[in-house]
């Protein structure tokens, strides 16, 4: 997968009890994954980017425009909103 641009968006909504991810590899269509997930509001957040922590494998290559946010309005649940976001990147 060398030279392939990959876009990953992940968000969780406590009220809707959902985790949603969108992944786009190169010119392929956007893949949406929805998981029913109920979590208590976190007291501490850890965000790992790259490397190998626990059992998660890292990504090869470089990262750009990485954003981590817990603000209101960051939960995206439809592909049209992801496409609009991609137009801004």
Protein backbone atom coordinates (compact mmCIF):
# COMPACT_ATOMS: atom_id res chain seq x y z
CA UNK A 1 0.00 0.00 0.00
CA UNK A 2 2.97 2.31 -0.50
CA UNK A 3 2.04 5.68 -1.94
CA UNK A 4 -1.67 5.34 -1.12
CA UNK A 5 -3.31 8.26 0.65
CA UNK A 6 -5.61 7.06 3.46
CA UNK A 7 -8.25 9.10 5.29
CA UNK A 8 -9.59 7.88 8.64
CA UNK A 9 -12.35 9.54 10.68
CA UNK A 10 -13.60 8.13 13.98
CA UNK A 11 -16.18 9.58 16.33
CA UNK A 12 -18.26 8.47 19.28
CA UNK A 13 -21.58 9.84 20.50
CA UNK A 14 -22.47 9.17 24.15
CA UNK A 15 -26.15 10.09 23.66
CA UNK A 16 -26.65 7.89 20.58
CA UNK A 17 -24.45 5.14 22.07
CA UNK A 18 -22.63 4.80 18.74
CA UNK A 19 -19.09 4.73 17.47
CA UNK A 20 -18.73 5.46 13.76
CA UNK A 21 -15.68 5.29 11.55
CA UNK A 22 -15.11 6.24 7.94
CA UNK A 23 -12.09 5.00 6.00
CA UNK A 24 -11.04 5.94 2.48
CA UNK A 25 -8.06 4.21 0.83
CA UNK A 26 -6.72 6.16 -2.15
CA UNK A 27 -9.42 6.61 -4.80
CA UNK A 28 -11.68 3.86 -3.39
CA UNK A 29 -15.16 4.56 -2.04
CA UNK A 30 -15.61 5.59 1.59
CA UNK A 31 -16.23 2.67 3.94
CA UNK A 32 -18.57 3.32 6.90
CA UNK A 33 -18.58 1.19 10.04
CA UNK A 34 -21.12 1.68 12.86
CA UNK A 35 -20.75 0.02 16.25
CA UNK A 36 -23.30 0.13 19.07
CA UNK A 37 -21.23 1.18 22.06
CA UNK A 38 -22.21 2.45 25.48
CA UNK A 39 -19.47 4.14 27.48
CA UNK A 40 -19.40 6.20 30.62
CA UNK A 41 -18.11 9.76 30.12
CA UNK A 42 -14.31 9.46 30.21
CA UNK A 43 -12.19 10.92 32.97
CA UNK A 44 -9.00 10.47 30.95
CA UNK A 45 -8.40 10.07 27.21
CA UNK A 46 -5.34 8.47 25.64
CA UNK A 47 -4.62 8.82 21.97
CA UNK A 48 -1.88 6.73 20.35
CA UNK A 49 -0.70 7.59 16.87
CA UNK A 50 1.77 5.24 15.23
CA UNK A 51 4.01 2.82 17.05
CA UNK A 52 2.81 -0.41 18.59
CA UNK A 53 0.92 -0.02 21.85
CA UNK A 54 -0.84 -2.95 23.46
CA UNK A 55 -2.07 -5.17 20.61
CA UNK A 56 -2.75 -2.37 18.11
CA UNK A 57 -0.49 -2.15 15.08
CA UNK A 58 0.77 1.23 13.88
CA UNK A 59 0.63 2.67 10.37
CA UNK A 60 3.57 2.90 8.03
CA UNK A 61 4.25 6.30 6.48
CA UNK A 62 3.59 9.85 7.53
CA UNK A 63 0.67 11.57 9.24
CA UNK A 64 -0.67 15.00 8.37
CA UNK A 65 -3.56 17.15 9.58
CA UNK A 66 -4.19 15.01 12.67
CA UNK A 67 -6.99 16.45 14.78
CA UNK A 68 -8.20 15.16 18.14
CA UNK A 69 -11.28 16.90 19.50
CA UNK A 70 -13.91 16.36 22.18
CA UNK A 71 -15.91 19.44 21.23
CA UNK A 72 -19.57 19.43 20.30
CA UNK A 73 -20.26 19.00 16.60
CA UNK A 74 -17.40 16.62 15.80
CA UNK A 75 -19.69 13.57 15.54
CA UNK A 76 -20.26 12.82 11.86
CA UNK A 77 -22.65 10.07 10.92
CA UNK A 78 -23.21 10.32 7.18
CA UNK A 79 -20.99 10.01 4.13
CA UNK A 80 -22.04 13.38 2.64
CA UNK A 81 -20.60 15.19 5.69
CA UNK A 82 -17.36 13.18 5.35
CA UNK A 83 -17.15 14.13 1.66
CA UNK A 84 -17.60 17.80 2.62
CA UNK A 85 -14.82 17.41 5.19
CA UNK A 86 -12.55 15.79 2.59
CA UNK A 87 -13.14 18.73 0.24
CA UNK A 88 -11.62 21.01 2.92
CA UNK A 89 -8.51 18.84 3.44
